[in-house]
Amino acid sequence: MKLKHLLQTFFAALAFTACGSSGGDDPEPTPTPTVTAPTVVSTTPANNATDIPTGVINVQVVYDKDILVSSDASLQPKITGASLSGSTSVSGKTLSFAVNCTNYETKVTITLPKGLIGVTGALASEYTFGFTTAKKPQPTENDAVALARKLGWGWNLGNHFDTSSGQDGKVNQWGYWDNATPTAALYTNLKKAGASTVRICVTWGNYQKEDPWTIDANYMAEVKQNVDWAESAGLNVIINLHHDEYWLDIKSAANNANTNTNIKARIEKTWKQIAETFKDKGDFLFFESFNEVQDGSWGWGDNLKDGGKQYNTLNEWNQLVVNTIRATGGNNATRWIGVPAYASSPSFALESSFVLPTDAANRVMVSVHFYDPNTFTLTPENNDGKSEWGHTAAAGKYQSGSNEEHVVDIFSKLQAKYIINNIPVYIGEYGCVMHKTDRSNLFRNYYLEYVCRAAHEYNMPLCIWDNNSTGGGNEHHGYFNHDDGSYLNNLESLVKTMIKAATSDDASYTLESIYNNAPK
């Protein structure tokens, strides 16, 4: 018993020493803190939200603590009913990304996989939320919808009457830029091909010498002859002020009241002559106040820092044109008049800085142009040029943020702001140059079909830009010979596809069906 007691005492002392309680120098071990994973506090749009607009939706997920996002590229939000647009980003407690919603009345489900979000020492669990897009807006049978059907698919007589020397009273010494002499056959064949509208772009200043800015009678007669031919062929016609921007100096006018007064006087005298010449024409004829008025920087110039002066000036000019045309009487009292926002840009047309003219006849339309993205449609040969477009385009060969979702986003917003409210919108110019490779032209064809179908979907007529050029590359927009209306560049099939996309009411022919047949 004595030995047993001694052994018990020895082992107790040994255990006490091993636990560091013998007064030695070893410190107490620091306990490992418990790290909790971040949890979701809220989402935008809210979970189960309804009536979310289509287009590009900015999504935010807010957590209860500052978060980190995984650098693993394979970990991305998983989305059904829509698609991810761009990449994810984190700021403090908030995860942000964009979702492209192209379809109405669609349940969009977003799942954030485990491992995507975390803090040091803990990963957030998988999280799923969703929302439903809005019902498709259904414009009543209003003027805007009826006008879209009337104008249908149109064509621009580009680089003919819009040729400009950039000087008063001096015509271009090389003649018209398109090197063409239009005939009655041009318009007959356009109608036969399926066109409904011709936009005859006209520069007037080269045929005016001085105040009172009388337009050369022979030039006016030549323009009128083409309008008459188009009328006889059964086409609608839009005529405008085109490359007169050399005297429509909006930057100077916005900053100098005297300059603005002088320019307005010339606008009034010019438009009065045009309106008087055509005031007895029927409602096949439309006027368009200006074309792409801007300060030379295409919306990225002083207009962004002058406190809205240029925008206000253009609003003032548009109102002046409407007033001048209406005052000539005849059919001009109720003729439809198109007016552009700054640079004829859809984006500026959607901003509050663009104010429609007041009009007792209530017959003012919004004119926009659509060449997005210009790196693909206009300048593929430039250093920043792109050879492909859309969701099937190869990495590095397309302009990010300017694919199908961008078309839907812009067109749906134009419809929501204007067409639903009985204000017509027409796309006076759209297009894409002929590219130089077969593969790139497959994407070009896809782009043109998609844009035309989207325009029809959102009740907007549109006019293809054509400058009579053959071959491919920058500035090559040829579809019809400007002399006689015969096809250029073997593009009859593409023209027919565009016309079908812009006018067909076949319910099975949708943006989705075109999307699913994109080039591979």
Protein backbone atom coordinates (compact mmCIF):
# COMPACT_ATOMS: atom_id res chain seq x y z
CA MET A 1 0.00 0.00 0.00
CA LYS A 2 2.89 2.30 0.72
CA LEU A 3 4.35 1.68 -2.77
CA LYS A 4 0.98 2.27 -4.37
CA HIS A 5 0.61 5.60 -2.59
CA LEU A 6 4.08 6.73 -3.68
CA LEU A 7 3.35 5.93 -7.33
CA GLN A 8 0.09 7.87 -7.24
CA THR A 9 1.88 10.91 -5.84
CA PHE A 10 4.60 10.69 -8.51
CA PHE A 11 2.21 10.54 -11.46
CA ALA A 12 0.09 13.41 -10.10
CA ALA A 13 3.16 15.61 -9.85
CA LEU A 14 4.23 14.62 -13.37
CA ALA A 15 0.83 15.54 -14.79
CA PHE A 16 0.84 18.90 -13.02
CA THR A 17 4.27 19.74 -14.44
CA ALA A 18 3.25 18.72 -17.97
CA CYS A 19 0.33 21.14 -17.81
CA GLY A 20 2.68 24.05 -17.24
CA SER A 21 1.38 24.78 -13.77
CA SER A 22 4.66 24.18 -11.97
CA GLY A 23 5.71 27.84 -12.17
CA GLY A 24 7.86 27.32 -15.35
CA ASP A 25 8.41 29.91 -18.14
CA ASP A 26 6.22 28.31 -20.91
CA PRO A 27 3.30 30.69 -21.87
CA GLU A 28 -0.34 29.73 -22.05
CA PRO A 29 -1.29 28.74 -25.67
CA THR A 30 -3.54 31.31 -27.45
CA PRO A 31 -6.89 29.77 -28.29
CA THR A 32 -7.79 29.76 -32.03
CA PRO A 33 -10.63 32.31 -32.65
CA THR A 34 -13.82 31.08 -34.25
CA VAL A 35 -14.39 32.74 -37.69
CA THR A 36 -17.96 32.92 -38.97
CA ALA A 37 -18.68 32.98 -42.68
CA PRO A 38 -20.36 36.08 -44.13
CA THR A 39 -24.10 35.91 -44.68
CA VAL A 40 -26.34 37.79 -47.10
CA VAL A 41 -28.23 40.78 -45.71
CA SER A 42 -29.98 41.98 -48.89
CA THR A 43 -29.97 41.82 -52.70
CA THR A 44 -30.82 44.24 -55.47
CA PRO A 45 -33.12 43.35 -57.14
CA ALA A 46 -34.72 41.92 -54.04
CA ASN A 47 -35.31 38.19 -53.90
CA ASN A 48 -38.56 37.28 -55.65
CA ALA A 49 -38.96 40.79 -57.05
CA THR A 50 -41.21 41.09 -60.09
CA ASP A 51 -41.63 43.47 -63.00
CA ILE A 52 -37.88 43.99 -63.43
CA PRO A 53 -37.12 45.73 -66.77
CA THR A 54 -35.35 43.78 -69.48
CA GLY A 55 -31.87 44.77 -70.60
CA VAL A 56 -28.70 44.93 -68.53
CA ILE A 57 -29.57 44.76 -64.82
CA ASN A 58 -27.02 45.79 -62.20
CA VAL A 59 -27.12 43.24 -59.37
CA GLN A 60 -25.80 43.83 -55.85
CA VAL A 61 -25.50 41.35 -52.97
CA VAL A 62 -24.79 42.88 -49.57
CA TYR A 63 -23.20 40.76 -46.79
CA ASP A 64 -22.96 41.36 -43.06
CA LYS A 65 -19.20 41.99 -43.16
CA ASP A 66 -16.44 43.01 -45.53
CA ILE A 67 -15.87 40.24 -48.06
CA LEU A 68 -13.33 38.87 -50.48
CA VAL A 69 -14.02 37.39 -53.92
CA SER A 70 -12.23 34.31 -55.18
CA SER A 71 -9.54 34.69 -57.83
CA ASP A 72 -10.59 31.33 -59.27
CA ALA A 73 -12.01 32.22 -62.71
CA SER A 74 -14.15 29.09 -62.70
CA LEU A 75 -16.14 30.43 -59.75
CA GLN A 76 -18.76 32.77 -61.16
CA PRO A 77 -22.43 33.46 -60.45
CA LYS A 78 -24.54 30.77 -62.09
CA ILE A 79 -27.53 32.24 -63.88
CA THR A 80 -30.60 30.73 -65.50
CA GLY A 81 -33.07 32.77 -67.52
CA ALA A 82 -30.43 35.37 -68.35
CA SER A 83 -26.67 35.67 -68.76
CA LEU A 84 -23.77 37.21 -66.89
CA SER A 85 -22.56 40.47 -68.44
CA GLY A 86 -18.98 41.37 -67.56
CA SER A 87 -17.17 40.39 -64.37
CA THR A 88 -17.86 40.49 -60.65
CA SER A 89 -16.42 43.09 -58.29
CA VAL A 90 -16.34 43.66 -54.52
CA SER A 91 -16.40 46.86 -52.51
CA GLY A 92 -16.53 46.43 -48.73
CA LYS A 93 -19.57 44.31 -47.96
CA THR A 94 -21.04 44.44 -51.47
CA LEU A 95 -20.66 42.05 -54.40
CA SER A 96 -21.64 43.61 -57.76
CA PHE A 97 -22.15 42.24 -61.26
CA ALA A 98 -24.45 42.74 -64.24
CA VAL A 99 -27.01 40.37 -65.71
CA ASN A 100 -28.33 40.58 -69.27
CA CYS A 101 -32.07 39.87 -69.36
CA THR A 102 -33.31 39.62 -72.95
CA ASN A 103 -36.68 37.96 -72.38
CA TYR A 104 -39.88 39.29 -70.87
CA GLU A 105 -41.83 37.45 -68.14
CA THR A 106 -38.87 35.22 -67.33
CA LYS A 107 -37.79 33.90 -63.94
CA VAL A 108 -34.10 34.70 -63.47
CA THR A 109 -32.31 32.58 -60.88
CA ILE A 110 -28.84 33.50 -59.59
CA THR A 111 -26.70 31.11 -57.57
CA LEU A 112 -23.50 32.22 -55.88
CA PRO A 113 -21.44 29.03 -55.49
CA LYS A 114 -19.62 28.17 -52.27
CA GLY A 115 -16.09 29.45 -52.55
CA LEU A 116 -16.92 32.53 -54.57
CA ILE A 117 -17.28 34.76 -51.49
CA GLY A 118 -15.58 34.58 -48.10
CA VAL A 119 -13.44 36.17 -45.43
CA THR A 120 -10.05 35.04 -44.22
CA GLY A 121 -10.68 31.70 -42.63
CA ALA A 122 -14.27 31.06 -43.74
CA LEU A 123 -16.19 30.68 -47.00
CA ALA A 124 -19.79 31.71 -47.52
CA SER A 125 -22.21 28.93 -48.27
CA GLU A 126 -23.99 28.68 -51.62
CA TYR A 127 -26.68 31.32 -51.92
CA THR A 128 -29.57 31.43 -54.41
CA PHE A 129 -32.03 34.22 -55.15
CA GLY A 130 -34.03 35.40 -58.14
CA PHE A 131 -36.46 37.81 -59.75
CA THR A 132 -38.91 37.92 -62.66
CA THR A 133 -38.67 40.27 -65.62
CA ALA A 134 -41.52 42.51 -66.62
CA LYS A 135 -44.32 41.68 -69.00
CA LYS A 136 -43.73 42.75 -72.56
CA PRO A 137 -45.03 46.30 -73.08
CA GLN A 138 -47.88 46.25 -75.54
CA PRO A 139 -48.28 49.60 -77.25
CA THR A 140 -51.83 50.19 -78.28
CA GLU A 141 -52.48 50.76 -81.95
CA ASN A 142 -51.16 54.28 -81.61
CA ASP A 143 -49.51 56.63 -84.08
CA ALA A 144 -46.04 55.41 -83.19
CA VAL A 145 -46.83 51.79 -83.99
CA ALA A 146 -48.76 52.67 -87.15
CA LEU A 147 -45.91 54.86 -88.36
CA ALA A 148 -43.39 52.08 -87.76
CA ARG A 149 -45.41 49.82 -90.04
CA LYS A 150 -45.77 52.56 -92.65
CA LEU A 151 -42.03 53.34 -92.82
CA GLY A 152 -40.96 49.70 -92.52
CA TRP A 153 -37.48 48.98 -93.84
CA GLY A 154 -35.77 51.89 -95.52
CA TRP A 155 -32.65 52.85 -97.44
CA ASN A 156 -30.34 55.88 -97.47
CA LEU A 157 -29.21 57.59 -100.66
CA GLY A 158 -25.95 58.18 -98.85
CA ASN A 159 -23.01 60.23 -100.13
CA HIS A 160 -25.01 61.75 -102.96
CA PHE A 161 -26.87 64.96 -102.13
CA ASP A 162 -25.16 65.00 -98.73
CA THR A 163 -21.78 65.57 -100.43
CA SER A 164 -20.15 68.66 -98.91
CA SER A 165 -17.23 70.93 -99.66
CA GLY A 166 -17.61 72.48 -96.23
CA GLN A 167 -17.97 75.98 -97.72
CA ASP A 168 -20.86 78.26 -98.60
CA GLY A 169 -21.53 78.57 -102.31
CA LYS A 170 -18.85 76.06 -103.29
CA VAL A 171 -19.82 72.59 -104.49
CA ASN A 172 -17.45 69.65 -104.28
CA GLN A 173 -15.17 69.80 -107.33
CA TRP A 174 -15.28 66.04 -107.82
CA GLY A 175 -19.06 65.89 -107.99
CA TYR A 176 -21.15 63.69 -105.77
CA TRP A 177 -19.21 61.38 -103.45
CA ASP A 178 -21.12 58.30 -104.60
CA ASN A 179 -20.13 58.97 -108.24
CA ALA A 180 -23.69 58.23 -109.31
CA THR A 181 -26.57 59.68 -111.28
CA PRO A 182 -29.82 58.42 -109.76
CA THR A 183 -32.68 57.62 -112.13
CA ALA A 184 -36.32 56.68 -111.77
CA ALA A 185 -35.22 53.03 -112.07
CA LEU A 186 -33.34 53.34 -108.76
CA TYR A 187 -36.54 53.98 -106.86
CA THR A 188 -38.63 51.49 -108.84
CA ASN A 189 -36.13 48.74 -108.05
CA LEU A 190 -35.90 49.71 -104.39
CA LYS A 191 -39.67 49.33 -104.12
CA LYS A 192 -39.51 46.03 -106.00
CA ALA A 193 -36.86 44.77 -103.57
CA GLY A 194 -39.17 45.45 -100.63
CA ALA A 195 -38.07 48.86 -99.35
CA SER A 196 -40.79 51.14 -97.99
CA THR A 197 -38.81 54.31 -97.35
CA VAL A 198 -35.94 56.30 -98.82
CA ARG A 199 -34.01 58.79 -96.73
CA ILE A 200 -32.59 61.41 -99.09
CA CYS A 201 -29.84 63.15 -97.16
CA VAL A 202 -29.17 66.69 -98.39
CA THR A 203 -26.45 69.26 -97.71
CA TRP A 204 -27.81 72.70 -98.62
CA GLY A 205 -25.10 75.15 -97.57
CA ASN A 206 -22.83 74.52 -100.57
CA TYR A 207 -25.67 75.81 -102.73
CA GLN A 208 -26.21 78.99 -100.69
CA LYS A 209 -23.88 81.98 -101.12
CA GLU A 210 -24.93 84.66 -98.67
CA ASP A 211 -27.80 86.10 -96.71
CA PRO A 212 -30.77 85.64 -97.42
CA TRP A 213 -29.32 82.18 -98.06
CA THR A 214 -31.22 81.44 -101.26
CA ILE A 215 -30.82 77.80 -102.35
CA ASP A 216 -29.65 77.33 -105.93
CA ALA A 217 -32.77 76.68 -108.03
CA ASN A 218 -31.19 73.94 -110.15
CA TYR A 219 -30.07 72.05 -107.06
CA MET A 220 -33.50 72.33 -105.48
CA ALA A 221 -35.04 71.04 -108.71
CA GLU A 222 -32.65 68.06 -108.73
CA VAL A 223 -33.56 67.12 -105.17
CA LYS A 224 -37.25 67.53 -106.00
CA GLN A 225 -36.90 65.29 -109.06
CA ASN A 226 -35.63 62.46 -106.86
CA VAL A 227 -38.47 62.99 -104.40
CA ASP A 228 -40.92 62.83 -107.30
CA TRP A 229 -39.39 59.58 -108.60
CA ALA A 230 -39.61 58.02 -105.14
CA GLU A 231 -43.21 59.15 -104.82
CA SER A 232 -44.10 57.61 -108.19
CA ALA A 233 -42.49 54.35 -107.09
CA GLY A 234 -44.73 54.26 -103.99
CA LEU A 235 -41.99 54.97 -101.45
CA ASN A 236 -42.01 57.15 -98.37
CA VAL A 237 -39.32 59.85 -98.36
CA ILE A 238 -37.38 61.56 -95.57
CA ILE A 239 -35.37 64.69 -96.44
CA ASN A 240 -33.15 66.63 -94.05
CA LEU A 241 -30.26 69.02 -93.43
CA HIS A 242 -27.27 66.70 -93.47
CA HIS A 243 -23.62 67.81 -93.71
CA ASP A 244 -24.45 71.44 -92.98
CA GLU A 245 -22.70 71.13 -89.64
CA TYR A 246 -19.83 73.30 -90.92
CA TRP A 247 -22.17 76.29 -90.45
CA LEU A 248 -24.33 74.70 -87.76
CA ASP A 249 -21.51 75.36 -85.27
CA ILE A 250 -23.24 74.31 -82.09
CA LYS A 251 -20.26 74.81 -79.80
CA SER A 252 -19.86 78.45 -80.85
CA ALA A 253 -23.61 79.03 -80.80
CA ALA A 254 -23.86 77.61 -77.28
CA ASN A 255 -21.24 80.07 -76.03
CA ASN A 256 -22.11 83.20 -78.00
CA ALA A 257 -25.61 84.63 -78.25
CA ASN A 258 -24.85 86.64 -81.40
CA THR A 259 -23.50 83.58 -83.17
CA ASN A 260 -26.58 81.62 -82.16
CA THR A 261 -28.88 84.38 -83.41
CA ASN A 262 -27.17 84.39 -86.82
CA ILE A 263 -27.27 80.61 -87.15
CA LYS A 264 -30.94 80.52 -86.17
CA ALA A 265 -31.74 83.11 -88.81
CA ARG A 266 -30.09 80.94 -91.45
CA ILE A 267 -31.84 77.78 -90.18
CA GLU A 268 -35.18 79.53 -90.49
CA LYS A 269 -34.51 80.88 -94.00
CA THR A 270 -33.19 77.51 -95.22
CA TRP A 271 -36.03 75.44 -93.83
CA LYS A 272 -38.64 77.90 -95.04
CA GLN A 273 -37.45 77.38 -98.63
CA ILE A 274 -37.46 73.60 -98.30
CA ALA A 275 -40.87 73.56 -96.66
CA GLU A 276 -42.39 75.89 -99.25
CA THR A 277 -41.06 73.73 -102.10
CA PHE A 278 -42.66 70.57 -100.73
CA LYS A 279 -45.69 71.84 -98.80
CA ASP A 280 -48.18 70.36 -101.26
CA LYS A 281 -46.66 66.87 -101.13
CA GLY A 282 -48.70 64.17 -99.43
CA ASP A 283 -48.01 62.32 -96.22
CA PHE A 284 -45.48 60.03 -97.90
CA LEU A 285 -43.00 62.88 -97.29
CA PHE A 286 -41.30 63.41 -93.93
CA PHE A 287 -38.93 66.15 -92.81
CA GLU A 288 -35.94 65.70 -90.51
CA SER A 289 -34.50 68.82 -88.88
CA PHE A 290 -30.80 67.91 -88.63
CA ASN A 291 -28.31 65.07 -88.87
CA GLU A 292 -25.81 64.20 -86.10
CA VAL A 293 -25.33 67.75 -84.79
CA GLN A 294 -22.39 67.76 -82.35
CA ASP A 295 -19.16 69.67 -81.63
CA GLY A 296 -16.83 67.31 -83.48
CA SER A 297 -16.18 64.93 -80.59
CA TRP A 298 -19.29 62.80 -81.06
CA GLY A 299 -20.66 63.27 -77.57
CA TRP A 300 -17.33 63.10 -75.75
CA GLY A 301 -16.42 66.76 -76.04
CA ASP A 302 -17.39 70.06 -74.48
CA ASN A 303 -21.01 68.96 -74.31
CA LEU A 304 -20.04 66.98 -71.20
CA LYS A 305 -18.67 70.00 -69.35
CA ASP A 306 -20.57 73.07 -70.56
CA GLY A 307 -23.50 72.71 -68.19
CA GLY A 308 -25.92 71.60 -70.90
CA LYS A 309 -25.45 74.63 -73.17
CA GLN A 310 -25.10 72.59 -76.37
CA TYR A 311 -28.08 70.40 -75.51
CA ASN A 312 -30.22 73.46 -74.84
CA THR A 313 -29.08 75.02 -78.11
CA LEU A 314 -30.06 71.95 -80.11
CA ASN A 315 -33.44 71.84 -78.37
CA GLU A 316 -33.91 75.47 -79.38
CA TRP A 317 -32.94 74.75 -82.99
CA ASN A 318 -35.31 71.77 -83.22
CA GLN A 319 -38.16 73.92 -81.94
CA LEU A 320 -37.32 76.58 -84.52
CA VAL A 321 -37.46 74.06 -87.37
CA VAL A 322 -40.85 72.74 -86.26
CA ASN A 323 -42.22 76.28 -85.97
CA THR A 324 -40.83 77.26 -89.38
CA ILE A 325 -42.25 74.24 -91.18
CA ARG A 326 -45.68 74.58 -89.56
CA ALA A 327 -45.87 78.27 -90.51
CA THR A 328 -45.68 77.46 -94.24
CA GLY A 329 -49.10 75.83 -94.13
CA GLY A 330 -50.46 73.38 -96.68
CA ASN A 331 -49.69 69.78 -95.81
CA ASN A 332 -46.79 71.03 -93.69
CA ALA A 333 -49.32 71.98 -91.03
CA THR A 334 -49.54 68.30 -90.06
CA ARG A 335 -46.52 66.71 -91.72
CA TRP A 336 -44.43 64.39 -89.52
CA ILE A 337 -41.11 65.98 -88.51
CA GLY A 338 -38.17 64.02 -87.13
CA VAL A 339 -35.80 65.64 -84.63
CA PRO A 340 -32.50 64.23 -83.33
CA ALA A 341 -30.92 64.39 -79.92
CA TYR A 342 -27.26 65.33 -79.69
CA ALA A 343 -25.17 63.47 -82.32
CA SER A 344 -28.38 61.55 -83.23
CA SER A 345 -27.37 59.27 -80.37
CA PRO A 346 -29.94 56.96 -78.75
CA SER A 347 -28.17 57.44 -75.43
CA PHE A 348 -28.65 61.21 -75.52
CA ALA A 349 -32.26 60.72 -76.69
CA LEU A 350 -32.85 58.81 -73.44
CA GLU A 351 -31.50 61.61 -71.26
CA SER A 352 -33.57 64.42 -69.75
CA SER A 353 -31.34 66.96 -71.53
CA PHE A 354 -33.19 66.15 -74.78
CA VAL A 355 -36.50 68.01 -74.92
CA LEU A 356 -38.98 67.40 -77.71
CA PRO A 357 -40.34 70.50 -79.45
CA THR A 358 -43.87 71.54 -78.60
CA ASP A 359 -46.15 71.02 -81.58
CA ALA A 360 -49.84 71.78 -81.90
CA ALA A 361 -50.13 69.09 -84.58
CA ASN A 362 -48.56 66.55 -82.19
CA ARG A 363 -46.56 65.06 -85.06
CA VAL A 364 -42.94 65.09 -83.95
CA MET A 365 -40.79 61.96 -84.17
CA VAL A 366 -37.47 61.07 -82.53
CA SER A 367 -34.60 60.40 -84.93
CA VAL A 368 -31.70 58.20 -83.81
CA HIS A 369 -28.81 56.42 -85.49
CA PHE A 370 -27.44 53.03 -84.51
CA TYR A 371 -23.94 51.83 -85.39
CA ASP A 372 -22.99 50.25 -82.07
CA PRO A 373 -20.28 49.09 -81.75
CA ASN A 374 -18.49 51.28 -84.29
CA THR A 375 -15.30 49.23 -83.90
CA PHE A 376 -17.15 46.40 -85.68
CA THR A 377 -19.64 48.24 -87.88
CA LEU A 378 -17.60 51.18 -89.16
CA THR A 379 -13.88 50.78 -88.51
CA PRO A 380 -12.89 47.10 -88.37
CA GLU A 381 -9.57 47.91 -90.04
CA ASN A 382 -8.47 50.37 -87.36
CA ASN A 383 -6.07 49.34 -84.62
CA ASP A 384 -8.99 48.87 -82.23
CA GLY A 385 -11.20 47.29 -84.90
CA LYS A 386 -13.18 44.10 -84.24
CA SER A 387 -13.93 41.30 -86.68
CA GLU A 388 -16.77 39.54 -84.80
CA TRP A 389 -19.88 40.39 -82.81
CA GLY A 390 -22.26 38.63 -80.46
CA HIS A 391 -22.27 35.89 -77.85
CA THR A 392 -20.49 33.38 -80.09
CA ALA A 393 -17.66 35.73 -81.06
CA ALA A 394 -14.15 34.62 -80.18
CA ALA A 395 -12.38 36.18 -77.21
CA GLY A 396 -10.60 39.38 -78.14
CA LYS A 397 -12.46 39.74 -81.45
CA TYR A 398 -15.55 41.55 -80.17
CA GLN A 399 -16.30 44.79 -78.34
CA SER A 400 -17.23 44.02 -74.75
CA GLY A 401 -20.59 45.37 -73.62
CA SER A 402 -21.90 45.99 -77.13
CA ASN A 403 -23.39 42.67 -78.11
CA GLU A 404 -27.00 41.44 -78.22
CA GLU A 405 -27.77 42.67 -74.71
CA HIS A 406 -26.78 46.22 -75.66
CA VAL A 407 -29.18 46.26 -78.63
CA VAL A 408 -32.07 45.04 -76.47
CA ASP A 409 -31.19 47.45 -73.67
CA ILE A 410 -31.18 50.55 -75.90
CA PHE A 411 -34.20 49.61 -78.04
CA SER A 412 -36.37 48.59 -75.10
CA LYS A 413 -35.60 51.87 -73.31
CA LEU A 414 -36.49 53.89 -76.40
CA GLN A 415 -39.81 52.07 -76.63
CA ALA A 416 -40.54 52.56 -72.94
CA LYS A 417 -39.79 56.29 -73.04
CA TYR A 418 -41.36 57.21 -76.36
CA ILE A 419 -43.32 54.60 -78.31
CA ILE A 420 -45.45 53.48 -75.38
CA ASN A 421 -46.31 57.16 -74.99
CA ASN A 422 -47.33 57.55 -78.65
CA ILE A 423 -44.12 59.27 -79.75
CA PRO A 424 -42.61 57.56 -82.82
CA VAL A 425 -38.92 56.69 -82.96
CA TYR A 426 -37.14 55.82 -86.20
CA ILE A 427 -33.59 54.71 -86.84
CA GLY A 428 -32.58 57.00 -89.67
CA GLU A 429 -29.27 55.21 -90.12
CA TYR A 430 -27.91 51.82 -89.17
CA GLY A 431 -25.44 49.54 -90.88
CA CYS A 432 -22.21 47.58 -90.92
CA VAL A 433 -19.45 47.69 -93.49
CA MET A 434 -18.64 44.70 -95.63
CA HIS A 435 -15.75 42.90 -93.94
CA LYS A 436 -12.88 41.29 -95.79
CA THR A 437 -13.17 37.67 -94.64
CA ASP A 438 -15.99 35.18 -95.00
CA ARG A 439 -16.06 34.49 -91.27
CA SER A 440 -16.29 38.16 -90.33
CA ASN A 441 -19.09 38.65 -92.84
CA LEU A 442 -21.04 35.83 -91.20
CA PHE A 443 -21.00 37.90 -88.01
CA ARG A 444 -21.86 41.01 -90.02
CA ASN A 445 -24.93 39.28 -91.47
CA TYR A 446 -25.91 38.08 -88.00
CA TYR A 447 -25.55 41.60 -86.58
CA LEU A 448 -27.71 43.17 -89.30
CA GLU A 449 -30.44 40.55 -88.95
CA TYR A 450 -30.48 40.84 -85.16
CA VAL A 451 -30.64 44.65 -85.19
CA CYS A 452 -33.46 44.63 -87.75
CA ARG A 453 -35.49 42.10 -85.77
CA ALA A 454 -34.94 44.01 -82.54
CA ALA A 455 -36.14 47.19 -84.26
CA HIS A 456 -39.32 45.39 -85.31
CA GLU A 457 -39.72 43.92 -81.83
CA TYR A 458 -39.66 47.41 -80.33
CA ASN A 459 -41.73 49.09 -83.08
CA MET A 460 -39.03 51.17 -84.76
CA PRO A 461 -38.57 51.45 -88.54
CA LEU A 462 -35.00 51.74 -89.78
CA CYS A 463 -32.99 52.79 -92.84
CA ILE A 464 -29.77 51.05 -93.92
CA TRP A 465 -26.81 53.29 -94.77
CA ASP A 466 -25.62 52.83 -98.36
CA ASN A 467 -22.79 54.80 -100.00
CA ASN A 468 -22.57 52.87 -103.29
CA SER A 469 -19.24 51.22 -102.39
CA THR A 470 -18.11 47.81 -103.58
CA GLY A 471 -15.63 45.54 -101.84
CA GLY A 472 -14.89 45.40 -98.12
CA GLY A 473 -13.29 47.42 -95.36
CA ASN A 474 -13.90 50.75 -93.65
CA GLU A 475 -16.53 52.91 -95.41
CA HIS A 476 -17.76 50.07 -97.65
CA HIS A 477 -21.56 50.19 -97.32
CA GLY A 478 -22.83 49.20 -100.77
CA TYR A 479 -26.17 47.36 -101.26
CA PHE A 480 -27.82 48.95 -104.31
CA ASN A 481 -26.30 50.67 -107.32
CA HIS A 482 -27.24 54.33 -106.93
CA ASP A 483 -27.82 54.73 -110.66
CA ASP A 484 -30.44 52.06 -111.28
CA GLY A 485 -31.10 50.12 -108.07
CA SER A 486 -29.44 46.88 -109.13
CA TYR A 487 -27.81 44.89 -106.33
CA LEU A 488 -24.17 45.43 -105.37
CA ASN A 489 -21.77 42.93 -103.81
CA ASN A 490 -24.17 39.98 -104.37
CA LEU A 491 -26.19 41.16 -101.38
CA GLU A 492 -29.72 40.38 -102.53
CA SER A 493 -30.04 37.58 -100.00
CA LEU A 494 -28.86 39.76 -97.12
CA VAL A 495 -31.20 42.57 -98.14
CA LYS A 496 -34.14 40.17 -98.17
CA THR A 497 -33.13 38.86 -94.74
CA MET A 498 -33.01 42.39 -93.32
CA ILE A 499 -36.39 43.27 -94.79
CA LYS A 500 -37.93 40.10 -93.39
CA ALA A 501 -36.44 40.79 -89.96
CA ALA A 502 -37.66 44.39 -89.99
CA THR A 503 -41.21 43.69 -91.16
CA SER A 504 -42.33 40.08 -90.61
CA ASP A 505 -45.10 39.41 -88.09
CA ASP A 506 -44.30 35.69 -87.95
CA ALA A 507 -44.52 34.92 -84.21
CA SER A 508 -42.04 32.06 -84.52
CA TYR A 509 -39.36 34.35 -85.96
CA THR A 510 -37.93 35.86 -82.80
CA LEU A 511 -34.77 37.42 -81.43
CA GLU A 512 -34.21 34.15 -79.61
CA SER A 513 -34.42 32.09 -82.80
CA ILE A 514 -31.88 34.40 -84.47
CA TYR A 515 -29.68 34.31 -81.34
CA ASN A 516 -29.69 30.51 -81.39
CA ASN A 517 -28.44 30.50 -84.98
CA ALA A 518 -25.50 32.83 -84.43
CA PRO A 519 -22.25 31.93 -86.23
CA LYS A 520 -20.19 29.33 -84.39
